[in-house]
Amino acid sequence: MIKSMKTYNSSTKNVLVTQTKLNAESDEFDIIHAPLIKIQPLAFDEDFLDEHYDWIILTSKNAVNLFLPYLEKTRFVKIASIGEKTTELLVKNGYKVDFEPSVYTQEGFIEQFPLDDEVDMKRVLYPTSKDARNILHDYLEEHGVEVVKFSIYKPVDNAESIQMIRERWDDIDIITFSSPSGVKVLMKYFEKNMLKEKPVVSIGAVTKKELESIGIHSISPEKATLESIFELIKEKL
């Protein structure tokens, strides 16, 4: 859903929020919510659910939302998640999260997960995005873990958001990105120099790296949450 949280006011900063869900609000800014990506669920082989797994790994709220109907049908021992919001959604639905890295990336998971003889991780179920990086999958397989990874959704461009951003470009004071996919989508439709005209805030090291790869500087909060972005904007911008 695309919306502006308030009527445009020239005395207030207008912050473009491009992530799929607007899970935080602020009284300090006019928030223009234009999700660059729509989530398209994908069919998958449900025979996967008949097997037993030591762990299920869920790395996003999208994965949790789409896999929740299948969780109770799946035989597993423990759950690992990446991201505070991912964990919150699992807990809200009655599931205990046994591991969450303090750094909300696949690299953070690899660095902090105690993959040794004391941790029983022989088989892992890993429902994720079609565009997900293979870093965690490859690492686990290299260490002898059988990983059943499958795509439960794919991101697609949100044409309605793109059009709205075009129409309101001059109103926007600050742009926020929460994923490298969002950066790639916007760059399909806007010149890089246009992004350089406005301050950019990014969530997560991977998103920041994607922006850097195209020459766009961004600042990032310590925690990968929208609330932290708003706090950072108040402090720095």
C-alpha atoms as a PDB file:
ATOM      1  CA  MET A   1       0.000   0.000   0.000  1.00  0.00           C
ATOM      2  CA  ILE A   2       1.362   3.389  -0.978  1.00  0.00           C
ATOM      3  CA  LYS A   3       0.580   6.309   1.229  1.00  0.00           C
ATOM      4  CA  SER A   4       1.818   9.512   2.742  1.00  0.00           C
ATOM      5  CA  MET A   5       1.361   9.441   6.501  1.00  0.00           C
ATOM      6  CA  LYS A   6       0.585  13.174   6.652  1.00  0.00           C
ATOM      7  CA  THR A   7      -0.315  16.033   4.347  1.00  0.00           C
ATOM      8  CA  TYR A   8       2.804  17.576   2.843  1.00  0.00           C
ATOM      9  CA  ASN A   9       4.189  20.366   5.022  1.00  0.00           C
ATOM     10  CA  SER A  10       7.155  22.406   3.811  1.00  0.00           C
ATOM     11  CA  SER A  11       8.419  22.882   7.374  1.00  0.00           C
ATOM     12  CA  THR A  12       8.767  19.134   8.017  1.00  0.00           C
ATOM     13  CA  LYS A  13      11.186  16.680   6.448  1.00  0.00           C
ATOM     14  CA  ASN A  14       9.609  14.199   4.070  1.00  0.00           C
ATOM     15  CA  VAL A  15      11.132  10.735   4.441  1.00  0.00           C
ATOM     16  CA  LEU A  16      10.681   8.152   1.693  1.00  0.00           C
ATOM     17  CA  VAL A  17      10.336   4.675   3.202  1.00  0.00           C
ATOM     18  CA  THR A  18      10.801   2.031   0.516  1.00  0.00           C
ATOM     19  CA  GLN A  19      10.515  -1.202   2.481  1.00  0.00           C
ATOM     20  CA  THR A  20       7.513  -3.485   2.045  1.00  0.00           C
ATOM     21  CA  LYS A  21       5.926  -3.058   5.473  1.00  0.00           C
ATOM     22  CA  LEU A  22       5.696   0.209   7.379  1.00  0.00           C
ATOM     23  CA  ASN A  23       6.252  -1.237  10.857  1.00  0.00           C
ATOM     24  CA  ALA A  24       7.088   2.049  12.589  1.00  0.00           C
ATOM     25  CA  GLU A  25       5.849   5.627  12.550  1.00  0.00           C
ATOM     26  CA  SER A  26       7.246   8.984  13.593  1.00  0.00           C
ATOM     27  CA  ASP A  27       5.695  12.253  14.686  1.00  0.00           C
ATOM     28  CA  GLU A  28       8.875  14.051  13.638  1.00  0.00           C
ATOM     29  CA  PHE A  29       8.556  13.541   9.856  1.00  0.00           C
ATOM     30  CA  ASP A  30       6.103  13.228   7.023  1.00  0.00           C
ATOM     31  CA  ILE A  31       6.534   9.602   5.974  1.00  0.00           C
ATOM     32  CA  ILE A  32       5.986   8.757   2.330  1.00  0.00           C
ATOM     33  CA  HIS A  33       5.589   4.984   2.199  1.00  0.00           C
ATOM     34  CA  ALA A  34       6.252   3.633  -1.284  1.00  0.00           C
ATOM     35  CA  PRO A  35       7.330  -0.024  -1.162  1.00  0.00           C
ATOM     36  CA  LEU A  36       9.582  -0.660  -4.149  1.00  0.00           C
ATOM     37  CA  ILE A  37       9.062  -4.402  -4.025  1.00  0.00           C
ATOM     38  CA  LYS A  38       5.972  -6.571  -3.962  1.00  0.00           C
ATOM     39  CA  ILE A  39       6.245 -10.092  -2.618  1.00  0.00           C
ATOM     40  CA  GLN A  40       5.053 -12.839  -4.937  1.00  0.00           C
ATOM     41  CA  PRO A  41       4.526 -16.193  -3.177  1.00  0.00           C
ATOM     42  CA  LEU A  42       5.929 -19.220  -4.967  1.00  0.00           C
ATOM     43  CA  ALA A  43       4.714 -22.804  -4.978  1.00  0.00           C
ATOM     44  CA  PHE A  44       7.145 -25.344  -3.561  1.00  0.00           C
ATOM     45  CA  ASP A  45       7.413 -29.089  -3.086  1.00  0.00           C
ATOM     46  CA  GLU A  46       5.521 -29.774   0.141  1.00  0.00           C
ATOM     47  CA  ASP A  47       7.138 -33.205   0.356  1.00  0.00           C
ATOM     48  CA  PHE A  48       9.968 -31.307   2.086  1.00  0.00           C
ATOM     49  CA  LEU A  49       7.680 -31.010   5.097  1.00  0.00           C
ATOM     50  CA  ASP A  50       7.475 -34.779   5.594  1.00  0.00           C
ATOM     51  CA  GLU A  51      11.134 -34.970   6.595  1.00  0.00           C
ATOM     52  CA  HIS A  52      12.707 -34.284   9.983  1.00  0.00           C
ATOM     53  CA  TYR A  53      15.019 -31.287  10.472  1.00  0.00           C
ATOM     54  CA  ASP A  54      17.347 -30.306  13.273  1.00  0.00           C
ATOM     55  CA  TRP A  55      16.892 -26.622  12.468  1.00  0.00           C
ATOM     56  CA  ILE A  56      14.681 -24.316  10.437  1.00  0.00           C
ATOM     57  CA  ILE A  57      16.341 -21.068   9.367  1.00  0.00           C
ATOM     58  CA  LEU A  58      14.130 -18.052   8.651  1.00  0.00           C
ATOM     59  CA  THR A  59      15.865 -14.882   7.552  1.00  0.00           C
ATOM     60  CA  SER A  60      13.046 -12.374   6.984  1.00  0.00           C
ATOM     61  CA  LYS A  61       9.522 -11.448   8.017  1.00  0.00           C
ATOM     62  CA  ASN A  62       8.387 -12.315   4.501  1.00  0.00           C
ATOM     63  CA  ALA A  63       9.683 -15.856   4.886  1.00  0.00           C
ATOM     64  CA  VAL A  64       7.972 -16.182   8.273  1.00  0.00           C
ATOM     65  CA  ASN A  65       4.637 -14.837   7.051  1.00  0.00           C
ATOM     66  CA  LEU A  66       4.563 -17.185   4.086  1.00  0.00           C
ATOM     67  CA  PHE A  67       5.877 -20.255   5.909  1.00  0.00           C
ATOM     68  CA  LEU A  68       3.770 -19.906   9.082  1.00  0.00           C
ATOM     69  CA  PRO A  69       0.917 -22.074   7.724  1.00  0.00           C
ATOM     70  CA  TYR A  70       3.438 -24.888   7.192  1.00  0.00           C
ATOM     71  CA  LEU A  71       5.449 -24.589  10.403  1.00  0.00           C
ATOM     72  CA  GLU A  72       3.060 -26.648  12.501  1.00  0.00           C
ATOM     73  CA  LYS A  73       3.156 -29.392   9.854  1.00  0.00           C
ATOM     74  CA  THR A  74       6.951 -29.518   9.859  1.00  0.00           C
ATOM     75  CA  ARG A  75       8.975 -31.767  12.145  1.00  0.00           C
ATOM     76  CA  PHE A  76      11.890 -29.785  13.520  1.00  0.00           C
ATOM     77  CA  VAL A  77      13.834 -29.286  16.746  1.00  0.00           C
ATOM     78  CA  LYS A  78      15.006 -25.665  16.735  1.00  0.00           C
ATOM     79  CA  ILE A  79      14.512 -22.367  14.921  1.00  0.00           C
ATOM     80  CA  ALA A  80      17.153 -19.818  13.949  1.00  0.00           C
ATOM     81  CA  SER A  81      16.226 -16.381  12.659  1.00  0.00           C
ATOM     82  CA  ILE A  82      17.983 -13.348  11.260  1.00  0.00           C
ATOM     83  CA  GLY A  83      16.622  -9.977  12.326  1.00  0.00           C
ATOM     84  CA  GLU A  84      14.825  -8.573  15.319  1.00  0.00           C
ATOM     85  CA  LYS A  85      11.525  -8.241  13.448  1.00  0.00           C
ATOM     86  CA  THR A  86      11.791 -11.811  12.154  1.00  0.00           C
ATOM     87  CA  THR A  87      12.200 -13.080  15.701  1.00  0.00           C
ATOM     88  CA  GLU A  88       9.387 -10.893  17.030  1.00  0.00           C
ATOM     89  CA  LEU A  89       6.977 -12.304  14.447  1.00  0.00           C
ATOM     90  CA  LEU A  90       7.902 -15.882  15.300  1.00  0.00           C
ATOM     91  CA  VAL A  91       7.519 -15.276  19.034  1.00  0.00           C
ATOM     92  CA  LYS A  92       4.210 -13.490  18.470  1.00  0.00           C
ATOM     93  CA  ASN A  93       2.951 -16.646  16.770  1.00  0.00           C
ATOM     94  CA  GLY A  94       4.032 -18.890  19.617  1.00  0.00           C
ATOM     95  CA  TYR A  95       7.418 -20.128  18.416  1.00  0.00           C
ATOM     96  CA  LYS A  96      10.637 -20.106  20.410  1.00  0.00           C
ATOM     97  CA  VAL A  97      13.687 -18.785  18.587  1.00  0.00           C
ATOM     98  CA  ASP A  98      16.795 -20.691  19.636  1.00  0.00           C
ATOM     99  CA  PHE A  99      19.379 -18.556  17.844  1.00  0.00           C
ATOM    100  CA  GLU A 100      19.472 -15.010  16.482  1.00  0.00           C
ATOM    101  CA  PRO A 101      22.756 -13.281  15.593  1.00  0.00           C
ATOM    102  CA  SER A 102      23.296  -9.765  16.881  1.00  0.00           C
ATOM    103  CA  VAL A 103      24.378  -8.752  13.362  1.00  0.00           C
ATOM    104  CA  TYR A 104      21.355  -9.191  11.097  1.00  0.00           C
ATOM    105  CA  THR A 105      23.106 -10.652   8.045  1.00  0.00           C
ATOM    106  CA  GLN A 106      24.103 -14.065   6.745  1.00  0.00           C
ATOM    107  CA  GLU A 107      27.691 -13.135   7.558  1.00  0.00           C
ATOM    108  CA  GLY A 108      26.659 -12.329  11.130  1.00  0.00           C
ATOM    109  CA  PHE A 109      24.936 -15.699  11.407  1.00  0.00           C
ATOM    110  CA  ILE A 110      28.045 -17.530  10.194  1.00  0.00           C
ATOM    111  CA  GLU A 111      30.316 -15.629  12.559  1.00  0.00           C
ATOM    112  CA  GLN A 112      28.191 -16.189  15.652  1.00  0.00           C
ATOM    113  CA  PHE A 113      26.541 -19.579  15.205  1.00  0.00           C
ATOM    114  CA  PRO A 114      28.412 -22.266  17.193  1.00  0.00           C
ATOM    115  CA  LEU A 115      28.720 -24.838  14.421  1.00  0.00           C
ATOM    116  CA  ASP A 116      30.635 -27.551  16.270  1.00  0.00           C
ATOM    117  CA  ASP A 117      30.220 -31.085  17.590  1.00  0.00           C
ATOM    118  CA  GLU A 118      28.106 -29.841  20.495  1.00  0.00           C
ATOM    119  CA  VAL A 119      25.429 -28.411  18.186  1.00  0.00           C
ATOM    120  CA  ASP A 120      23.219 -30.939  16.432  1.00  0.00           C
ATOM    121  CA  MET A 121      22.794 -29.436  12.971  1.00  0.00           C
ATOM    122  CA  LYS A 122      22.827 -32.243  10.450  1.00  0.00           C
ATOM    123  CA  ARG A 123      19.722 -31.272   8.455  1.00  0.00           C
ATOM    124  CA  VAL A 124      18.373 -27.762   7.915  1.00  0.00           C
ATOM    125  CA  LEU A 125      15.213 -26.492   6.257  1.00  0.00           C
ATOM    126  CA  TYR A 126      15.761 -23.069   4.708  1.00  0.00           C
ATOM    127  CA  PRO A 127      12.713 -21.406   3.057  1.00  0.00           C
ATOM    128  CA  THR A 128      13.783 -18.075   1.620  1.00  0.00           C
ATOM    129  CA  SER A 129      13.607 -15.563  -1.224  1.00  0.00           C
ATOM    130  CA  LYS A 130      14.414 -16.582  -4.775  1.00  0.00           C
ATOM    131  CA  ASP A 131      16.924 -13.716  -4.775  1.00  0.00           C
ATOM    132  CA  ALA A 132      18.594 -14.689  -1.490  1.00  0.00           C
ATOM    133  CA  ARG A 133      22.368 -14.846  -1.474  1.00  0.00           C
ATOM    134  CA  ASN A 134      23.958 -18.295  -1.128  1.00  0.00           C
ATOM    135  CA  ILE A 135      26.545 -17.367   1.511  1.00  0.00           C
ATOM    136  CA  LEU A 136      24.876 -19.119   4.457  1.00  0.00           C
ATOM    137  CA  HIS A 137      23.723 -22.090   2.382  1.00  0.00           C
ATOM    138  CA  ASP A 138      27.199 -22.680   0.973  1.00  0.00           C
ATOM    139  CA  TYR A 139      28.879 -22.274   4.360  1.00  0.00           C
ATOM    140  CA  LEU A 140      26.636 -24.857   6.007  1.00  0.00           C
ATOM    141  CA  GLU A 141      27.068 -27.352   3.183  1.00  0.00           C
ATOM    142  CA  GLU A 142      30.834 -26.912   3.272  1.00  0.00           C
ATOM    143  CA  HIS A 143      30.658 -27.911   6.948  1.00  0.00           C
ATOM    144  CA  GLY A 144      28.738 -31.098   6.268  1.00  0.00           C
ATOM    145  CA  VAL A 145      25.199 -29.857   6.902  1.00  0.00           C
ATOM    146  CA  GLU A 146      22.446 -31.088   4.600  1.00  0.00           C
ATOM    147  CA  VAL A 147      20.564 -27.932   3.621  1.00  0.00           C
ATOM    148  CA  VAL A 148      17.121 -28.120   2.039  1.00  0.00           C
ATOM    149  CA  LYS A 149      16.850 -24.611   0.628  1.00  0.00           C
ATOM    150  CA  PHE A 150      13.873 -23.593  -1.472  1.00  0.00           C
ATOM    151  CA  SER A 151      12.268 -20.384  -2.716  1.00  0.00           C
ATOM    152  CA  ILE A 152       9.014 -19.505  -0.993  1.00  0.00           C
ATOM    153  CA  TYR A 153       8.691 -16.055  -2.598  1.00  0.00           C
ATOM    154  CA  LYS A 154      10.299 -13.686  -5.060  1.00  0.00           C
ATOM    155  CA  PRO A 155      10.446  -9.889  -5.102  1.00  0.00           C
ATOM    156  CA  VAL A 156       8.897  -8.076  -8.076  1.00  0.00           C
ATOM    157  CA  ASP A 157       9.008  -4.383  -8.975  1.00  0.00           C
ATOM    158  CA  ASN A 158       6.137  -2.269  -7.662  1.00  0.00           C
ATOM    159  CA  ALA A 159       5.224  -0.091 -10.656  1.00  0.00           C
ATOM    160  CA  GLU A 160       2.647   1.882  -8.661  1.00  0.00           C
ATOM    161  CA  SER A 161       5.304   2.964  -6.169  1.00  0.00           C
ATOM    162  CA  ILE A 162       7.719   3.961  -8.914  1.00  0.00           C
ATOM    163  CA  GLN A 163       5.091   6.213 -10.475  1.00  0.00           C
ATOM    164  CA  MET A 164       4.239   7.808  -7.130  1.00  0.00           C
ATOM    165  CA  ILE A 165       7.915   8.484  -6.379  1.00  0.00           C
ATOM    166  CA  ARG A 166       8.269  10.176  -9.778  1.00  0.00           C
ATOM    167  CA  GLU A 167       5.290  12.398  -9.024  1.00  0.00           C
ATOM    168  CA  ARG A 168       6.525  13.337  -5.536  1.00  0.00           C
ATOM    169  CA  TRP A 169      10.264  13.427  -6.174  1.00  0.00           C
ATOM    170  CA  ASP A 170      10.605  17.139  -5.476  1.00  0.00           C
ATOM    171  CA  ASP A 171       8.806  16.693  -2.128  1.00  0.00           C
ATOM    172  CA  ILE A 172      11.177  13.988  -0.884  1.00  0.00           C
ATOM    173  CA  ASP A 173      13.945  15.173   1.451  1.00  0.00           C
ATOM    174  CA  ILE A 174      15.466  11.851   2.582  1.00  0.00           C
ATOM    175  CA  ILE A 175      15.465   8.376   1.001  1.00  0.00           C
ATOM    176  CA  THR A 176      15.666   5.167   3.015  1.00  0.00           C
ATOM    177  CA  PHE A 177      16.507   1.675   1.786  1.00  0.00           C
ATOM    178  CA  SER A 178      16.153  -1.568   3.718  1.00  0.00           C
ATOM    179  CA  SER A 179      17.471  -4.052   1.153  1.00  0.00           C
ATOM    180  CA  PRO A 180      19.824  -4.257  -1.828  1.00  0.00           C
ATOM    181  CA  SER A 181      16.840  -5.374  -3.917  1.00  0.00           C
ATOM    182  CA  GLY A 182      15.145  -2.049  -3.250  1.00  0.00           C
ATOM    183  CA  VAL A 183      18.252  -0.180  -4.379  1.00  0.00           C
ATOM    184  CA  LYS A 184      18.375  -2.182  -7.613  1.00  0.00           C
ATOM    185  CA  VAL A 185      14.717  -1.526  -8.349  1.00  0.00           C
ATOM    186  CA  LEU A 186      14.993   2.240  -7.903  1.00  0.00           C
ATOM    187  CA  MET A 187      18.126   2.381 -10.045  1.00  0.00           C
ATOM    188  CA  LYS A 188      16.211   0.831 -12.948  1.00  0.00           C
ATOM    189  CA  TYR A 189      13.976   3.889 -13.111  1.00  0.00           C
ATOM    190  CA  PHE A 190      16.008   6.819 -11.768  1.00  0.00           C
ATOM    191  CA  GLU A 191      19.378   8.306 -12.682  1.00  0.00           C
ATOM    192  CA  LYS A 192      22.146   7.872 -10.135  1.00  0.00           C
ATOM    193  CA  ASN A 193      22.705  11.627 -10.035  1.00  0.00           C
ATOM    194  CA  MET A 194      19.132  12.076  -8.829  1.00  0.00           C
ATOM    195  CA  LEU A 195      19.866   9.935  -5.772  1.00  0.00           C
ATOM    196  CA  LYS A 196      23.008  11.945  -5.093  1.00  0.00           C
ATOM    197  CA  GLU A 197      20.821  15.036  -4.688  1.00  0.00           C
ATOM    198  CA  LYS A 198      19.248  13.710  -1.490  1.00  0.00           C
ATOM    199  CA  PRO A 199      20.523  12.205   1.788  1.00  0.00           C
ATOM    200  CA  VAL A 200      20.253   8.412   1.828  1.00  0.00           C
ATOM    201  CA  VAL A 201      19.869   6.174   4.878  1.00  0.00           C
ATOM    202  CA  SER A 202      20.365   2.412   4.606  1.00  0.00           C
ATOM    203  CA  ILE A 203      19.443  -0.514   6.831  1.00  0.00           C
ATOM    204  CA  GLY A 204      22.103  -3.186   7.066  1.00  0.00           C
ATOM    205  CA  ALA A 205      25.632  -3.671   5.805  1.00  0.00           C
ATOM    206  CA  VAL A 206      24.518  -5.461   2.630  1.00  0.00           C
ATOM    207  CA  THR A 207      22.242  -2.587   1.607  1.00  0.00           C
ATOM    208  CA  LYS A 208      24.971  -0.045   2.354  1.00  0.00           C
ATOM    209  CA  LYS A 209      27.445  -2.055   0.268  1.00  0.00           C
ATOM    210  CA  GLU A 210      25.021  -2.153  -2.673  1.00  0.00           C
ATOM    211  CA  LEU A 211      24.691   1.638  -2.549  1.00  0.00           C
ATOM    212  CA  GLU A 212      28.463   2.068  -2.325  1.00  0.00           C
ATOM    213  CA  SER A 213      28.896  -0.147  -5.394  1.00  0.00           C
ATOM    214  CA  ILE A 214      27.032   2.453  -7.470  1.00  0.00           C
ATOM    215  CA  GLY A 215      28.713   5.430  -5.857  1.00  0.00           C
ATOM    216  CA  ILE A 216      25.924   6.435  -3.470  1.00  0.00           C
ATOM    217  CA  HIS A 217      26.937   7.409   0.064  1.00  0.00           C
ATOM    218  CA  SER A 218      24.564   6.487   2.872  1.00  0.00           C
ATOM    219  CA  ILE A 219      24.498   6.575   6.639  1.00  0.00           C
ATOM    220  CA  SER A 220      23.246   3.596   8.659  1.00  0.00           C
ATOM    221  CA  PRO A 221      21.914   3.066  12.181  1.00  0.00           C
ATOM    222  CA  GLU A 222      23.524   0.483  14.442  1.00  0.00           C
ATOM    223  CA  LYS A 223      20.324  -1.564  14.617  1.00  0.00           C
ATOM    224  CA  ALA A 224      18.660  -2.732  11.424  1.00  0.00           C
ATOM    225  CA  THR A 225      15.190  -1.378  12.192  1.00  0.00           C
ATOM    226  CA  LEU A 226      13.036   1.436  10.880  1.00  0.00           C
ATOM    227  CA  GLU A 227      12.784   2.923  14.371  1.00  0.00           C
ATOM    228  CA  SER A 228      16.579   3.220  14.427  1.00  0.00           C
ATOM    229  CA  ILE A 229      16.524   4.949  11.052  1.00  0.00           C
ATOM    230  CA  PHE A 230      14.147   7.597  12.384  1.00  0.00           C
ATOM    231  CA  GLU A 231      16.367   8.167  15.419  1.00  0.00           C
ATOM    232  CA  LEU A 232      19.423   8.502  13.173  1.00  0.00           C
ATOM    233  CA  ILE A 233      17.671  11.021  10.940  1.00  0.00           C
ATOM    234  CA  LYS A 234      16.757  13.127  13.973  1.00  0.00           C
ATOM    235  CA  GLU A 235      20.370  13.060  15.172  1.00  0.00           C
ATOM    236  CA  LYS A 236      22.265  13.474  11.900  1.00  0.00           C
ATOM    237  CA  LEU A 237      19.979  14.995   9.286  1.00  0.00           C
END
